Amino acid sequence: MVVYDPKRSPQYFLLVTNNLEANGPWIIEEYSKRWKIETVIRNAKQSLGLLT
């Protein structure tokens, strides 16, 4: 699904899901939640010196 939300970003995004009933706003919200978790994990690894 290609998603475009000018309120969040002027860019187009290609987001993939296996939920065939998902719509654009739901995918964007779920992606946003996951991205926050990913950045917390990355920052923790950097603080502990686990990333090269």
C-alpha atoms as a PDB file:
ATOM      1  CA  MET A   1       0.000   0.000   0.000  1.00  0.00           C
ATOM      2  CA  VAL A   2       1.292   3.433  -0.841  1.00  0.00           C
ATOM      3  CA  VAL A   3       0.355   5.899   1.869  1.00  0.00           C
ATOM      4  CA  TYR A   4       0.377   9.666   1.795  1.00  0.00           C
ATOM      5  CA  ASP A   5      -0.534  11.855   4.760  1.00  0.00           C
ATOM      6  CA  PRO A   6       0.395  15.506   4.191  1.00  0.00           C
ATOM      7  CA  LYS A   7      -0.330  16.316   7.857  1.00  0.00           C
ATOM      8  CA  ARG A   8       2.556  14.069   8.960  1.00  0.00           C
ATOM      9  CA  SER A   9       4.973  14.328   6.041  1.00  0.00           C
ATOM     10  CA  PRO A  10       4.968  15.510   2.435  1.00  0.00           C
ATOM     11  CA  GLN A  11       6.592  12.209   1.398  1.00  0.00           C
ATOM     12  CA  TYR A  12       5.000   9.080   0.009  1.00  0.00           C
ATOM     13  CA  PHE A  13       5.602   5.816   1.873  1.00  0.00           C
ATOM     14  CA  LEU A  14       5.341   2.227   0.751  1.00  0.00           C
ATOM     15  CA  LEU A  15       4.210   0.210   3.759  1.00  0.00           C
ATOM     16  CA  VAL A  16       3.649  -3.516   3.724  1.00  0.00           C
ATOM     17  CA  THR A  17       1.348  -5.548   5.943  1.00  0.00           C
ATOM     18  CA  ASN A  18      -0.148  -9.009   5.881  1.00  0.00           C
ATOM     19  CA  ASN A  19      -3.414  -7.602   7.260  1.00  0.00           C
ATOM     20  CA  LEU A  20      -5.515  -7.419   4.109  1.00  0.00           C
ATOM     21  CA  GLU A  21      -8.223  -5.423   5.900  1.00  0.00           C
ATOM     22  CA  ALA A  22      -5.816  -2.679   7.023  1.00  0.00           C
ATOM     23  CA  ASN A  23      -6.277   0.867   5.811  1.00  0.00           C
ATOM     24  CA  GLY A  24      -3.725   3.658   5.406  1.00  0.00           C
ATOM     25  CA  PRO A  25      -4.254   5.480   8.717  1.00  0.00           C
ATOM     26  CA  TRP A  26      -4.071   2.214  10.700  1.00  0.00           C
ATOM     27  CA  ILE A  27      -0.835   1.191   8.973  1.00  0.00           C
ATOM     28  CA  ILE A  28       0.718   4.611   9.630  1.00  0.00           C
ATOM     29  CA  GLU A  29      -0.238   4.474  13.319  1.00  0.00           C
ATOM     30  CA  GLU A  30       1.150   0.953  13.792  1.00  0.00           C
ATOM     31  CA  TYR A  31       4.355   1.838  11.948  1.00  0.00           C
ATOM     32  CA  SER A  32       4.772   4.926  14.137  1.00  0.00           C
ATOM     33  CA  LYS A  33       4.408   2.847  17.316  1.00  0.00           C
ATOM     34  CA  ARG A  34       6.972   0.331  16.113  1.00  0.00           C
ATOM     35  CA  TRP A  35       9.422   3.014  15.031  1.00  0.00           C
ATOM     36  CA  LYS A  36       9.419   4.497  18.552  1.00  0.00           C
ATOM     37  CA  ILE A  37      10.286   1.084  19.999  1.00  0.00           C
ATOM     38  CA  GLU A  38      13.051   0.535  17.432  1.00  0.00           C
ATOM     39  CA  THR A  39      14.694   3.874  18.239  1.00  0.00           C
ATOM     40  CA  VAL A  40      14.596   3.163  21.993  1.00  0.00           C
ATOM     41  CA  ILE A  41      16.307  -0.195  21.427  1.00  0.00           C
ATOM     42  CA  ARG A  42      18.923   1.343  19.119  1.00  0.00           C
ATOM     43  CA  ASN A  43      19.689   4.119  21.620  1.00  0.00           C
ATOM     44  CA  ALA A  44      20.002   1.603  24.463  1.00  0.00           C
ATOM     45  CA  LYS A  45      22.436  -0.507  22.427  1.00  0.00           C
ATOM     46  CA  GLN A  46      24.493   2.576  21.581  1.00  0.00           C
ATOM     47  CA  SER A  47      24.620   3.608  25.241  1.00  0.00           C
ATOM     48  CA  LEU A  48      25.845   0.129  26.206  1.00  0.00           C
ATOM     49  CA  GLY A  49      28.403   0.049  23.396  1.00  0.00           C
ATOM     50  CA  LEU A  50      26.736  -2.912  21.672  1.00  0.00           C
ATOM     51  CA  LEU A  51      26.642  -1.301  18.213  1.00  0.00           C
ATOM     52  CA  THR A  52      29.696  -0.918  16.057  1.00  0.00           C
END
